[in-house]
C-alpha atoms as a PDB file:
ATOM      1  CA  MET A   1     -10.504  24.750   8.602  1.00  0.00           C
ATOM      2  CA  PRO A   2     -13.739  23.582   8.283  1.00  0.00           C
ATOM      3  CA  LYS A   3     -15.424  23.329   4.808  1.00  0.00           C
ATOM      4  CA  LYS A   4     -18.872  23.428   3.584  1.00  0.00           C
ATOM      5  CA  ILE A   5     -18.862  20.482   1.704  1.00  0.00           C
ATOM      6  CA  LEU A   6     -21.648  19.400  -0.890  1.00  0.00           C
ATOM      7  CA  VAL A   7     -21.181  15.679  -2.225  1.00  0.00           C
ATOM      8  CA  LEU A   8     -23.395  14.770  -5.151  1.00  0.00           C
ATOM      9  CA  GLY A   9     -24.715  10.917  -4.238  1.00  0.00           C
ATOM     10  CA  GLY A  10     -23.018   9.941  -1.469  1.00  0.00           C
ATOM     11  CA  THR A  11     -25.328   6.948  -0.247  1.00  0.00           C
ATOM     12  CA  GLY A  12     -23.887   4.669  -2.427  1.00  0.00           C
ATOM     13  CA  TYR A  13     -20.313   2.948  -2.180  1.00  0.00           C
ATOM     14  CA  ILE A  14     -17.797   5.308  -2.238  1.00  0.00           C
ATOM     15  CA  GLY A  15     -20.062   8.099  -0.987  1.00  0.00           C
ATOM     16  CA  PRO A  16     -20.407   7.134   2.735  1.00  0.00           C
ATOM     17  CA  HIS A  17     -16.785   6.523   3.317  1.00  0.00           C
ATOM     18  CA  LEU A  18     -16.022  10.181   2.342  1.00  0.00           C
ATOM     19  CA  VAL A  19     -18.852  11.641   4.123  1.00  0.00           C
ATOM     20  CA  GLU A  20     -17.889   9.767   7.166  1.00  0.00           C
ATOM     21  CA  HIS A  21     -14.538  11.202   7.328  1.00  0.00           C
ATOM     22  CA  ALA A  22     -15.034  14.617   6.337  1.00  0.00           C
ATOM     23  CA  LEU A  23     -17.471  14.672   9.153  1.00  0.00           C
ATOM     24  CA  ALA A  24     -15.137  13.209  11.510  1.00  0.00           C
ATOM     25  CA  ARG A  25     -12.285  15.559  10.323  1.00  0.00           C
ATOM     26  CA  GLY A  26     -15.046  18.710  11.620  1.00  0.00           C
ATOM     27  CA  HIS A  27     -16.550  19.602   8.223  1.00  0.00           C
ATOM     28  CA  THR A  28     -20.154  20.673   7.386  1.00  0.00           C
ATOM     29  CA  VAL A  29     -21.387  18.498   4.947  1.00  0.00           C
ATOM     30  CA  THR A  30     -24.539  18.408   2.608  1.00  0.00           C
ATOM     31  CA  LEU A  31     -26.203  15.647   0.142  1.00  0.00           C
ATOM     32  CA  PHE A  32     -27.554  15.957  -2.597  1.00  0.00           C
ATOM     33  CA  ASN A  33     -29.536  12.799  -4.370  1.00  0.00           C
ATOM     34  CA  ARG A  34     -32.919  11.244  -5.344  1.00  0.00           C
ATOM     35  CA  GLY A  35     -33.151  10.342  -1.241  1.00  0.00           C
ATOM     36  CA  GLN A  36     -33.913   6.699  -2.501  1.00  0.00           C
ATOM     37  CA  THR A  37     -30.763   4.719  -2.031  1.00  0.00           C
ATOM     38  CA  LYS A  38     -30.256   4.512   1.884  1.00  0.00           C
ATOM     39  CA  PRO A  39     -32.619   6.916   3.161  1.00  0.00           C
ATOM     40  CA  GLY A  40     -31.529   6.835   6.352  1.00  0.00           C
ATOM     41  CA  LEU A  41     -28.028   7.377   6.489  1.00  0.00           C
ATOM     42  CA  PHE A  42     -26.358  10.191   7.925  1.00  0.00           C
ATOM     43  CA  PRO A  43     -29.810  11.442   9.826  1.00  0.00           C
ATOM     44  CA  ASN A  44     -28.010  14.736  11.121  1.00  0.00           C
ATOM     45  CA  VAL A  45     -26.585  15.920   7.720  1.00  0.00           C
ATOM     46  CA  GLU A  46     -28.600  17.791   5.600  1.00  0.00           C
ATOM     47  CA  LYS A  47     -30.059  16.504   2.701  1.00  0.00           C
ATOM     48  CA  LEU A  48     -31.407  18.237  -0.365  1.00  0.00           C
ATOM     49  CA  ILE A  49     -32.930  16.356  -2.965  1.00  0.00           C
ATOM     50  CA  GLY A  50     -33.241  16.025  -6.770  1.00  0.00           C
ATOM     51  CA  ASP A  51     -32.631  14.103  -9.668  1.00  0.00           C
ATOM     52  CA  ARG A  52     -29.964  14.823 -11.994  1.00  0.00           C
ATOM     53  CA  ASN A  53     -31.572  12.883 -14.829  1.00  0.00           C
ATOM     54  CA  VAL A  54     -34.520  15.547 -15.120  1.00  0.00           C
ATOM     55  CA  PRO A  55     -34.717  19.034 -16.557  1.00  0.00           C
ATOM     56  CA  ASP A  56     -33.975  21.051 -13.955  1.00  0.00           C
ATOM     57  CA  GLY A  57     -33.276  18.445 -11.405  1.00  0.00           C
ATOM     58  CA  HIS A  58     -30.343  20.252  -9.541  1.00  0.00           C
ATOM     59  CA  ALA A  59     -32.993  23.112  -8.638  1.00  0.00           C
ATOM     60  CA  ALA A  60     -32.492  22.848  -4.769  1.00  0.00           C
ATOM     61  CA  LEU A  61     -28.935  23.893  -5.208  1.00  0.00           C
ATOM     62  CA  LYS A  62     -29.882  26.976  -6.648  1.00  0.00           C
ATOM     63  CA  GLY A  63     -28.542  29.951  -4.351  1.00  0.00           C
ATOM     64  CA  ARG A  64     -26.344  27.713  -2.417  1.00  0.00           C
ATOM     65  CA  LYS A  65     -22.856  27.958  -2.019  1.00  0.00           C
ATOM     66  CA  TRP A  66     -20.036  25.744  -0.906  1.00  0.00           C
ATOM     67  CA  ASP A  67     -16.392  25.329  -0.571  1.00  0.00           C
ATOM     68  CA  VAL A  68     -15.832  21.950  -2.142  1.00  0.00           C
ATOM     69  CA  VAL A  69     -18.309  19.608  -4.514  1.00  0.00           C
ATOM     70  CA  TYR A  70     -17.665  16.012  -4.570  1.00  0.00           C
ATOM     71  CA  ASP A  71     -19.081  14.280  -7.644  1.00  0.00           C
ATOM     72  CA  LEU A  72     -18.743  10.989  -7.098  1.00  0.00           C
ATOM     73  CA  PRO A  73     -21.004   8.742  -9.390  1.00  0.00           C
ATOM     74  CA  THR A  74     -20.939  10.289 -12.273  1.00  0.00           C
ATOM     75  CA  GLY A  75     -20.402   9.043 -16.084  1.00  0.00           C
ATOM     76  CA  ALA A  76     -22.978  11.275 -17.883  1.00  0.00           C
ATOM     77  CA  PRO A  77     -21.733  14.434 -19.694  1.00  0.00           C
ATOM     78  CA  SER A  78     -25.588  16.185 -19.042  1.00  0.00           C
ATOM     79  CA  TRP A  79     -25.199  15.860 -15.454  1.00  0.00           C
ATOM     80  CA  ILE A  80     -21.912  17.940 -15.184  1.00  0.00           C
ATOM     81  CA  ALA A  81     -23.826  20.722 -17.638  1.00  0.00           C
ATOM     82  CA  ASN A  82     -26.817  20.681 -15.388  1.00  0.00           C
ATOM     83  CA  ALA A  83     -24.829  21.029 -12.206  1.00  0.00           C
ATOM     84  CA  ALA A  84     -22.778  23.841 -13.321  1.00  0.00           C
ATOM     85  CA  ALA A  85     -25.341  25.925 -15.103  1.00  0.00           C
ATOM     86  CA  VAL A  86     -26.476  25.739 -11.051  1.00  0.00           C
ATOM     87  CA  LEU A  87     -23.307  25.649  -9.248  1.00  0.00           C
ATOM     88  CA  LYS A  88     -20.721  27.614 -11.238  1.00  0.00           C
ATOM     89  CA  GLY A  89     -19.776  30.852  -9.333  1.00  0.00           C
ATOM     90  CA  ASN A  90     -21.148  29.230  -6.116  1.00  0.00           C
ATOM     91  CA  VAL A  91     -18.319  26.838  -5.616  1.00  0.00           C
ATOM     92  CA  GLY A  92     -14.419  27.289  -4.966  1.00  0.00           C
ATOM     93  CA  GLN A  93     -13.307  23.334  -5.889  1.00  0.00           C
ATOM     94  CA  TYR A  94     -14.637  20.622  -7.658  1.00  0.00           C
ATOM     95  CA  VAL A  95     -13.942  17.246  -6.994  1.00  0.00           C
ATOM     96  CA  PHE A  96     -14.907  14.357 -10.164  1.00  0.00           C
ATOM     97  CA  VAL A  97     -13.923  10.793  -9.594  1.00  0.00           C
ATOM     98  CA  SER A  98     -12.770   9.559 -13.052  1.00  0.00           C
ATOM     99  CA  SER A  99     -11.827   6.715 -14.334  1.00  0.00           C
ATOM    100  CA  THR A 100      -8.163   4.959 -15.670  1.00  0.00           C
ATOM    101  CA  ALA A 101     -10.959   4.188 -18.451  1.00  0.00           C
ATOM    102  CA  ALA A 102     -10.187   7.634 -19.900  1.00  0.00           C
ATOM    103  CA  TYR A 103      -6.575   6.533 -21.308  1.00  0.00           C
ATOM    104  CA  LYS A 104      -6.875   6.085 -25.099  1.00  0.00           C
ATOM    105  CA  ASP A 105      -4.833   2.727 -24.963  1.00  0.00           C
ATOM    106  CA  PHE A 106      -5.189  -0.068 -22.339  1.00  0.00           C
ATOM    107  CA  THR A 107      -2.943  -2.039 -23.985  1.00  0.00           C
ATOM    108  CA  ALA A 108       0.263   0.662 -23.032  1.00  0.00           C
ATOM    109  CA  SER A 109       2.014   0.090 -19.331  1.00  0.00           C
ATOM    110  CA  PHE A 110       2.359   2.636 -17.116  1.00  0.00           C
ATOM    111  CA  PRO A 111       0.287   5.306 -18.435  1.00  0.00           C
ATOM    112  CA  THR A 112       1.112   8.784 -16.597  1.00  0.00           C
ATOM    113  CA  GLU A 113      -1.564  11.651 -16.203  1.00  0.00           C
ATOM    114  CA  ASP A 114      -0.227  13.020 -19.480  1.00  0.00           C
ATOM    115  CA  ALA A 115      -1.073   9.928 -21.976  1.00  0.00           C
ATOM    116  CA  PRO A 116      -3.599  10.437 -24.700  1.00  0.00           C
ATOM    117  CA  THR A 117      -7.263  10.034 -23.559  1.00  0.00           C
ATOM    118  CA  GLN A 118     -10.116   8.796 -25.146  1.00  0.00           C
ATOM    119  CA  THR A 119     -11.713  10.705 -27.950  1.00  0.00           C
ATOM    120  CA  PRO A 120     -14.127  12.881 -25.206  1.00  0.00           C
ATOM    121  CA  SER A 121     -17.973  11.972 -26.092  1.00  0.00           C
ATOM    122  CA  PRO A 122     -20.577  14.169 -27.212  1.00  0.00           C
ATOM    123  CA  LEU A 123     -22.217  16.684 -24.738  1.00  0.00           C
ATOM    124  CA  ASP A 124     -25.798  15.675 -25.975  1.00  0.00           C
ATOM    125  CA  ALA A 125     -27.609  13.209 -23.384  1.00  0.00           C
ATOM    126  CA  SER A 126     -29.291  11.171 -26.180  1.00  0.00           C
ATOM    127  CA  ASP A 127     -25.740  11.326 -28.278  1.00  0.00           C
ATOM    128  CA  ALA A 128     -23.693  10.760 -24.894  1.00  0.00           C
ATOM    129  CA  ASP A 129     -25.199   7.860 -23.598  1.00  0.00           C
ATOM    130  CA  ARG A 130     -24.226   5.961 -26.752  1.00  0.00           C
ATOM    131  CA  SER A 131     -20.490   6.554 -26.529  1.00  0.00           C
ATOM    132  CA  THR A 132     -19.011   4.049 -23.975  1.00  0.00           C
ATOM    133  CA  TYR A 133     -17.464   4.850 -20.448  1.00  0.00           C
ATOM    134  CA  GLY A 134     -14.194   5.993 -21.184  1.00  0.00           C
ATOM    135  CA  PRO A 135     -15.291   8.638 -23.890  1.00  0.00           C
ATOM    136  CA  ARG A 136     -17.994   9.959 -21.361  1.00  0.00           C
ATOM    137  CA  LYS A 137     -15.491  10.132 -18.295  1.00  0.00           C
ATOM    138  CA  VAL A 138     -13.135  12.147 -20.912  1.00  0.00           C
ATOM    139  CA  ARG A 139     -16.024  14.586 -21.551  1.00  0.00           C
ATOM    140  CA  CYS A 140     -16.954  15.254 -17.857  1.00  0.00           C
ATOM    141  CA  GLU A 141     -13.304  15.774 -16.818  1.00  0.00           C
ATOM    142  CA  MET A 142     -12.938  18.741 -19.658  1.00  0.00           C
ATOM    143  CA  MET A 143     -16.385  20.177 -18.600  1.00  0.00           C
ATOM    144  CA  VAL A 144     -15.192  20.327 -14.909  1.00  0.00           C
ATOM    145  CA  ARG A 145     -11.741  21.744 -15.726  1.00  0.00           C
ATOM    146  CA  ASP A 146     -13.930  24.715 -17.308  1.00  0.00           C
ATOM    147  CA  ALA A 147     -16.534  25.163 -15.065  1.00  0.00           C
ATOM    148  CA  TYR A 148     -14.616  25.443 -11.650  1.00  0.00           C
ATOM    149  CA  PRO A 149     -11.604  27.665 -10.467  1.00  0.00           C
ATOM    150  CA  ILE A 150      -9.964  24.550  -8.744  1.00  0.00           C
ATOM    151  CA  ALA A 151     -10.722  21.056 -10.769  1.00  0.00           C
ATOM    152  CA  THR A 152      -9.470  18.034  -8.864  1.00  0.00           C
ATOM    153  CA  ILE A 153      -9.813  15.027 -11.427  1.00  0.00           C
ATOM    154  CA  SER A 154      -9.101  11.408  -9.590  1.00  0.00           C
ATOM    155  CA  ARG A 155      -8.528   9.194 -12.323  1.00  0.00           C
ATOM    156  CA  CYS A 156      -9.087   5.695 -10.282  1.00  0.00           C
ATOM    157  CA  GLY A 157      -8.841   2.307 -11.060  1.00  0.00           C
ATOM    158  CA  LEU A 158      -9.962  -0.738  -9.404  1.00  0.00           C
ATOM    159  CA  ILE A 159     -11.494   0.641  -6.513  1.00  0.00           C
ATOM    160  CA  VAL A 160     -11.555  -2.045  -2.931  1.00  0.00           C
ATOM    161  CA  GLY A 161     -12.925  -3.131   0.352  1.00  0.00           C
ATOM    162  CA  PRO A 162     -15.852  -2.690   2.386  1.00  0.00           C
ATOM    163  CA  GLY A 163     -19.091  -1.981   0.528  1.00  0.00           C
ATOM    164  CA  ASP A 164     -17.556  -3.204  -2.895  1.00  0.00           C
ATOM    165  CA  LEU A 165     -20.323  -5.071  -4.988  1.00  0.00           C
ATOM    166  CA  SER A 166     -18.306  -5.515  -7.814  1.00  0.00           C
ATOM    167  CA  ASP A 167     -16.241  -8.520  -6.516  1.00  0.00           C
ATOM    168  CA  ARG A 168     -12.984  -7.941  -8.589  1.00  0.00           C
ATOM    169  CA  PHE A 169     -11.005  -7.976  -5.376  1.00  0.00           C
ATOM    170  CA  THR A 170     -13.155  -9.662  -2.355  1.00  0.00           C
ATOM    171  CA  TYR A 171     -12.964 -13.233  -4.855  1.00  0.00           C
ATOM    172  CA  TRP A 172      -9.137 -13.769  -3.904  1.00  0.00           C
ATOM    173  CA  PRO A 173      -9.529 -13.561   0.092  1.00  0.00           C
ATOM    174  CA  VAL A 174     -12.875 -15.141  -0.342  1.00  0.00           C
ATOM    175  CA  ARG A 175     -11.143 -17.976  -3.036  1.00  0.00           C
ATOM    176  CA  ILE A 176      -7.698 -18.195  -0.169  1.00  0.00           C
ATOM    177  CA  GLU A 177     -10.218 -18.311   2.792  1.00  0.00           C
ATOM    178  CA  LYS A 178     -11.978 -22.294   1.524  1.00  0.00           C
ATOM    179  CA  GLY A 179      -8.172 -22.827   0.706  1.00  0.00           C
ATOM    180  CA  GLY A 180      -7.095 -26.120  -1.034  1.00  0.00           C
ATOM    181  CA  GLU A 181      -5.616 -25.968  -4.369  1.00  0.00           C
ATOM    182  CA  ILE A 182      -5.910 -22.534  -5.851  1.00  0.00           C
ATOM    183  CA  LEU A 183      -5.715 -21.203  -9.951  1.00  0.00           C
ATOM    184  CA  ALA A 184      -3.122 -18.342  -9.859  1.00  0.00           C
ATOM    185  CA  PRO A 185      -2.669 -16.379 -13.129  1.00  0.00           C
ATOM    186  CA  GLY A 186       0.552 -15.682 -14.756  1.00  0.00           C
ATOM    187  CA  ASN A 187       3.797 -14.958 -13.562  1.00  0.00           C
ATOM    188  CA  TYR A 188       4.849 -14.145  -9.898  1.00  0.00           C
ATOM    189  CA  ASP A 189       5.945 -10.426 -11.414  1.00  0.00           C
ATOM    190  CA  ASP A 190       2.276  -9.732 -13.736  1.00  0.00           C
ATOM    191  CA  PRO A 191       1.279  -6.573 -12.418  1.00  0.00           C
ATOM    192  CA  ALA A 192      -1.887  -5.595  -9.773  1.00  0.00           C
ATOM    193  CA  GLN A 193      -3.277  -2.475  -8.745  1.00  0.00           C
ATOM    194  CA  TRP A 194      -6.177  -1.277  -6.618  1.00  0.00           C
ATOM    195  CA  ILE A 195      -6.820   1.438  -3.872  1.00  0.00           C
ATOM    196  CA  ASP A 196      -8.686   0.613  -0.378  1.00  0.00           C
ATOM    197  CA  VAL A 197     -11.855   3.089  -0.606  1.00  0.00           C
ATOM    198  CA  ARG A 198     -11.043   4.691   2.894  1.00  0.00           C
ATOM    199  CA  ASP A 199      -7.743   4.913   1.388  1.00  0.00           C
ATOM    200  CA  LEU A 200      -9.367   7.056  -1.428  1.00  0.00           C
ATOM    201  CA  THR A 201     -12.023   9.008   0.258  1.00  0.00           C
ATOM    202  CA  GLU A 202      -9.585  10.661   3.097  1.00  0.00           C
ATOM    203  CA  TRP A 203      -7.278  11.731   0.144  1.00  0.00           C
ATOM    204  CA  LEU A 204      -9.912  12.948  -1.720  1.00  0.00           C
ATOM    205  CA  VAL A 205     -11.441  14.887   1.475  1.00  0.00           C
ATOM    206  CA  ARG A 206      -7.624  16.075   2.224  1.00  0.00           C
ATOM    207  CA  CYS A 207      -7.375  17.422  -1.387  1.00  0.00           C
ATOM    208  CA  GLY A 208     -10.254  19.316  -0.722  1.00  0.00           C
ATOM    209  CA  GLU A 209      -9.082  20.960   2.543  1.00  0.00           C
ATOM    210  CA  ASN A 210      -5.739  21.681   1.275  1.00  0.00           C
ATOM    211  CA  GLY A 211      -7.553  23.070  -2.285  1.00  0.00           C
ATOM    212  CA  THR A 212      -5.234  20.999  -4.422  1.00  0.00           C
ATOM    213  CA  GLY A 213      -5.913  21.022  -7.658  1.00  0.00           C
ATOM    214  CA  GLY A 214      -5.150  18.976 -10.526  1.00  0.00           C
ATOM    215  CA  THR A 215      -5.006  15.373 -12.440  1.00  0.00           C
ATOM    216  CA  PHE A 216      -4.118  12.292 -10.649  1.00  0.00           C
ATOM    217  CA  ASN A 217      -3.665   8.547 -10.972  1.00  0.00           C
ATOM    218  CA  ALA A 218      -5.475   7.379  -7.917  1.00  0.00           C
ATOM    219  CA  VAL A 219      -4.719   3.758  -7.014  1.00  0.00           C
ATOM    220  CA  GLY A 220      -1.963   1.611  -5.498  1.00  0.00           C
ATOM    221  CA  PRO A 221      -0.330   0.315  -3.500  1.00  0.00           C
ATOM    222  CA  ARG A 222       2.697   2.601  -3.346  1.00  0.00           C
ATOM    223  CA  THR A 223       5.311   0.513  -5.028  1.00  0.00           C
ATOM    224  CA  VAL A 224       4.877  -1.848  -8.511  1.00  0.00           C
ATOM    225  CA  CYS A 225       3.231  -4.306  -7.327  1.00  0.00           C
ATOM    226  CA  GLY A 226       3.341  -7.883  -8.598  1.00  0.00           C
ATOM    227  CA  ILE A 227       0.405 -10.640  -8.481  1.00  0.00           C
ATOM    228  CA  SER A 228       2.537 -13.147  -6.231  1.00  0.00           C
ATOM    229  CA  GLU A 229       2.945 -10.157  -4.110  1.00  0.00           C
ATOM    230  CA  LEU A 230      -1.290  -9.486  -4.024  1.00  0.00           C
ATOM    231  CA  LEU A 231      -1.860 -13.172  -3.208  1.00  0.00           C
ATOM    232  CA  TYR A 232       0.581 -14.135  -1.096  1.00  0.00           C
ATOM    233  CA  GLY A 233      -0.161 -11.048   0.891  1.00  0.00           C
ATOM    234  CA  ILE A 234      -3.802 -12.293   1.062  1.00  0.00           C
ATOM    235  CA  LYS A 235      -2.701 -15.587   1.956  1.00  0.00           C
ATOM    236  CA  ALA A 236      -0.662 -14.089   4.607  1.00  0.00           C
ATOM    237  CA  CYS A 237      -4.171 -13.594   6.855  1.00  0.00           C
ATOM    238  CA  TYR A 238      -5.310 -16.907   6.766  1.00  0.00           C
ATOM    239  CA  SER A 239      -3.809 -20.662   8.832  1.00  0.00           C
ATOM    240  CA  ASN A 240      -5.255 -22.735   6.314  1.00  0.00           C
ATOM    241  CA  ASP A 241      -3.951 -25.346   3.384  1.00  0.00           C
ATOM    242  CA  ALA A 242      -4.370 -22.689   0.877  1.00  0.00           C
ATOM    243  CA  HIS A 243      -2.038 -23.198  -1.567  1.00  0.00           C
ATOM    244  CA  PHE A 244      -1.168 -21.775  -5.372  1.00  0.00           C
ATOM    245  CA  THR A 245      -0.665 -23.313  -9.082  1.00  0.00           C
ATOM    246  CA  TRP A 246       0.584 -20.894 -11.007  1.00  0.00           C
ATOM    247  CA  VAL A 247      -0.870 -21.515 -14.526  1.00  0.00           C
ATOM    248  CA  PRO A 248       0.464 -19.135 -17.525  1.00  0.00           C
ATOM    249  CA  GLN A 249      -0.918 -16.641 -18.969  1.00  0.00           C
ATOM    250  CA  THR A 250      -1.102 -18.446 -22.544  1.00  0.00           C
ATOM    251  CA  PHE A 251      -2.693 -21.731 -21.370  1.00  0.00           C
ATOM    252  CA  LEU A 252      -5.160 -19.058 -19.285  1.00  0.00           C
ATOM    253  CA  SER A 253      -6.278 -17.403 -22.734  1.00  0.00           C
ATOM    254  CA  GLU A 254      -6.401 -20.996 -24.824  1.00  0.00           C
ATOM    255  CA  GLN A 255      -9.091 -21.838 -21.913  1.00  0.00           C
ATOM    256  CA  LYS A 256     -10.945 -18.499 -22.436  1.00  0.00           C
ATOM    257  CA  LEU A 257     -10.093 -17.206 -19.069  1.00  0.00           C
ATOM    258  CA  ARG A 258      -9.686 -13.483 -19.132  1.00  0.00           C
ATOM    259  CA  SER A 259      -7.906 -10.966 -16.948  1.00  0.00           C
ATOM    260  CA  TRP A 260      -9.652  -8.408 -15.024  1.00  0.00           C
ATOM    261  CA  SER A 261     -12.956 -10.559 -15.047  1.00  0.00           C
ATOM    262  CA  GLU A 262     -12.303 -14.541 -14.371  1.00  0.00           C
ATOM    263  CA  MET A 263      -8.792 -13.693 -12.855  1.00  0.00           C
ATOM    264  CA  PRO A 264      -9.443 -10.693 -11.532  1.00  0.00           C
ATOM    265  CA  VAL A 265      -7.236  -7.581 -10.538  1.00  0.00           C
ATOM    266  CA  TRP A 266      -4.149  -8.946 -12.862  1.00  0.00           C
ATOM    267  CA  SER A 267      -3.169  -8.173 -15.763  1.00  0.00           C
ATOM    268  CA  TYR A 268      -0.074  -8.730 -18.208  1.00  0.00           C
ATOM    269  CA  LYS A 269       2.170  -7.101 -20.995  1.00  0.00           C
ATOM    270  CA  GLY A 270       0.292  -6.269 -23.948  1.00  0.00           C
ATOM    271  CA  ALA A 271      -3.562  -7.232 -22.616  1.00  0.00           C
ATOM    272  CA  SER A 272      -6.026  -5.067 -23.264  1.00  0.00           C
ATOM    273  CA  THR A 273      -6.333  -4.709 -19.498  1.00  0.00           C
ATOM    274  CA  VAL A 274      -2.878  -3.568 -18.798  1.00  0.00           C
ATOM    275  CA  ALA A 275      -3.227  -0.093 -18.103  1.00  0.00           C
ATOM    276  CA  PHE A 276      -5.809  -0.424 -15.566  1.00  0.00           C
ATOM    277  CA  CYS A 277      -2.949  -2.086 -13.671  1.00  0.00           C
ATOM    278  CA  THR A 278       0.222  -0.182 -14.206  1.00  0.00           C
ATOM    279  CA  SER A 279      -0.884   3.580 -14.139  1.00  0.00           C
ATOM    280  CA  VAL A 280       1.942   6.013 -13.047  1.00  0.00           C
ATOM    281  CA  ILE A 281       0.998   7.479  -9.373  1.00  0.00           C
ATOM    282  CA  ASP A 282       3.928   9.679  -8.658  1.00  0.00           C
ATOM    283  CA  ARG A 283       1.646  13.281  -8.819  1.00  0.00           C
ATOM    284  CA  ALA A 284      -0.917  11.477  -6.329  1.00  0.00           C
ATOM    285  CA  LEU A 285       2.057  10.470  -3.901  1.00  0.00           C
ATOM    286  CA  ALA A 286       3.250  13.641  -3.593  1.00  0.00           C
ATOM    287  CA  ALA A 287      -0.108  15.656  -3.063  1.00  0.00           C
ATOM    288  CA  GLY A 288      -0.005  12.751  -0.190  1.00  0.00           C
ATOM    289  CA  LEU A 289      -2.088  10.234  -1.578  1.00  0.00           C
ATOM    290  CA  THR A 290      -1.088   7.065   1.362  1.00  0.00           C
ATOM    291  CA  PHE A 291      -2.057   3.487   1.540  1.00  0.00           C
ATOM    292  CA  ARG A 292      -3.023   1.026   4.727  1.00  0.00           C
ATOM    293  CA  PRO A 293      -1.271  -2.401   4.853  1.00  0.00           C
ATOM    294  CA  LEU A 294      -2.959  -5.102   2.699  1.00  0.00           C
ATOM    295  CA  ALA A 295      -4.309  -6.835   5.680  1.00  0.00           C
ATOM    296  CA  ASP A 296      -6.191  -4.298   6.921  1.00  0.00           C
ATOM    297  CA  THR A 297      -8.414  -3.891   3.262  1.00  0.00           C
ATOM    298  CA  VAL A 298      -8.792  -7.955   3.244  1.00  0.00           C
ATOM    299  CA  ARG A 299     -10.034  -7.870   7.143  1.00  0.00           C
ATOM    300  CA  ALA A 300     -12.512  -5.182   6.367  1.00  0.00           C
ATOM    301  CA  ALA A 301     -13.730  -5.996   3.198  1.00  0.00           C
ATOM    302  CA  MET A 302     -14.426  -9.951   4.005  1.00  0.00           C
ATOM    303  CA  ALA A 303     -15.973  -8.599   7.476  1.00  0.00           C
ATOM    304  CA  TRP A 304     -17.931  -7.180   5.077  1.00  0.00           C
ATOM    305  CA  TYR A 305     -18.551  -9.860   2.826  1.00  0.00           C
ATOM    306  CA  HIS A 306     -19.909 -12.117   5.798  1.00  0.00           C
ATOM    307  CA  ALA A 307     -22.003  -9.582   6.194  1.00  0.00           C
ATOM    308  CA  ARG A 308     -23.606  -9.575   2.796  1.00  0.00           C
ATOM    309  CA  PRO A 309     -26.673 -11.948   2.059  1.00  0.00           C
ATOM    310  CA  ALA A 310     -26.153 -15.638   2.146  1.00  0.00           C
ATOM    311  CA  ALA A 311     -26.872 -15.763  -2.179  1.00  0.00           C
ATOM    312  CA  GLU A 312     -24.702 -12.967  -2.579  1.00  0.00           C
ATOM    313  CA  GLN A 313     -21.931 -14.796  -0.260  1.00  0.00           C
ATOM    314  CA  GLU A 314     -22.236 -17.774  -2.837  1.00  0.00           C
ATOM    315  CA  LYS A 315     -22.334 -16.058  -6.175  1.00  0.00           C
ATOM    316  CA  LEU A 316     -19.982 -13.659  -6.754  1.00  0.00           C
ATOM    317  CA  ARG A 317     -19.592 -11.494  -9.356  1.00  0.00           C
ATOM    318  CA  ALA A 318     -15.936 -11.895 -10.766  1.00  0.00           C
ATOM    319  CA  GLY A 319     -13.663 -14.884 -10.364  1.00  0.00           C
ATOM    320  CA  VAL A 320     -13.907 -18.118 -11.859  1.00  0.00           C
ATOM    321  CA  SER A 321     -16.653 -20.727 -10.794  1.00  0.00           C
ATOM    322  CA  PRO A 322     -15.029 -23.701  -8.500  1.00  0.00           C
ATOM    323  CA  GLU A 323     -16.024 -25.829 -11.089  1.00  0.00           C
ATOM    324  CA  ARG A 324     -14.770 -23.972 -14.082  1.00  0.00           C
ATOM    325  CA  GLU A 325     -11.379 -24.034 -11.603  1.00  0.00           C
ATOM    326  CA  ARG A 326     -11.317 -27.065 -10.659  1.00  0.00           C
ATOM    327  CA  ASP A 327     -11.626 -28.281 -14.918  1.00  0.00           C
ATOM    328  CA  VAL A 328      -8.854 -25.880 -16.091  1.00  0.00           C
ATOM    329  CA  LEU A 329      -6.480 -27.086 -13.132  1.00  0.00           C
ATOM    330  CA  ALA A 330      -7.152 -30.853 -14.077  1.00  0.00           C
ATOM    331  CA  LEU A 331      -6.314 -29.612 -17.779  1.00  0.00           C
ATOM    332  CA  TRP A 332      -3.519 -28.105 -16.774  1.00  0.00           C
ATOM    333  CA  HIS A 333      -2.143 -30.466 -14.510  1.00  0.00           C
ATOM    334  CA  ALA A 334      -2.636 -33.594 -17.546  1.00  0.00           C
ATOM    335  CA  LYS A 335      -0.576 -30.895 -19.482  1.00  0.00           C
ATOM    336  CA  GLN A 336       2.411 -30.915 -17.588  1.00  0.00           C
ATOM    337  CA  LEU A 337       2.017 -35.013 -17.499  1.00  0.00           C
ATOM    338  CA  GLY A 338       2.288 -35.370 -20.907  1.00  0.00           C
ATOM    339  CA  GLY A 339      -1.532 -35.626 -21.800  1.00  0.00           C
ATOM    340  CA  LEU A 340      -2.680 -32.961 -23.908  1.00  0.00           C
END
């Protein structure tokens, strides 16, 4: 049955994908935001203007009812509290996009949704702002569960694909497209996880359609993946001279090349990022989470990348610089030859 959907935000990264899919499925969508980011998007969709940072910023939502609310950008507990003051009792289901950063121990592999979470941040806005990202997400999750009859908490990992400005996934297809010798991190089976933004948002819409509540690790792929499977899968999308030189984690650590930043997507056992790359997703799979082929994600991400301004294409926000990559590879080859 068609749903009346309210999207808080909706014009950033994941929002447009969710709105497009909801509209294609025949739902009625209302957007609530400040009207400042991409105001021309969705000209035929109802737009309500407000500012979640100011007192009474949700006034435009008063007296309205929706079947499902999607809260996409929130990491501020005060935003949840202020929204609930207006929406509580007028919403059937609240879908909150959280993060695997909610877990207490990032070095622990294979966290399920029942793994210990971080100590929640204070509710007060000024105190909460001094908390880090994970504790604020935990507090937001708790407040959503308390306020709404059906609470759907999506703990996402690395969200990738068209529109991703972090470049944490895009680095690899960009680098592989350029060809030549490529610094590849660690061991073949070191873990990697990600989710295509379209897979995530389509599943979130299905959760709203089906009234699916609960807490879910929303990341992929379906089965455990090693970093080699990701890199060779991307390489299969290109016919060039790209080839990998696999450099052990210990050497990369000596050179201060970190997982998740200089070496995106990748982690390893005991690393401070391993929880982000090994989340157990059985619960989300049972709730209908599906995944498109890696090649589809690569093609869409790269089409978007090549449409970006030249300055953004030139300097990615994640990954190692070409100069640094060459230097580390030279040091590694010298070590192999006994020169270090």
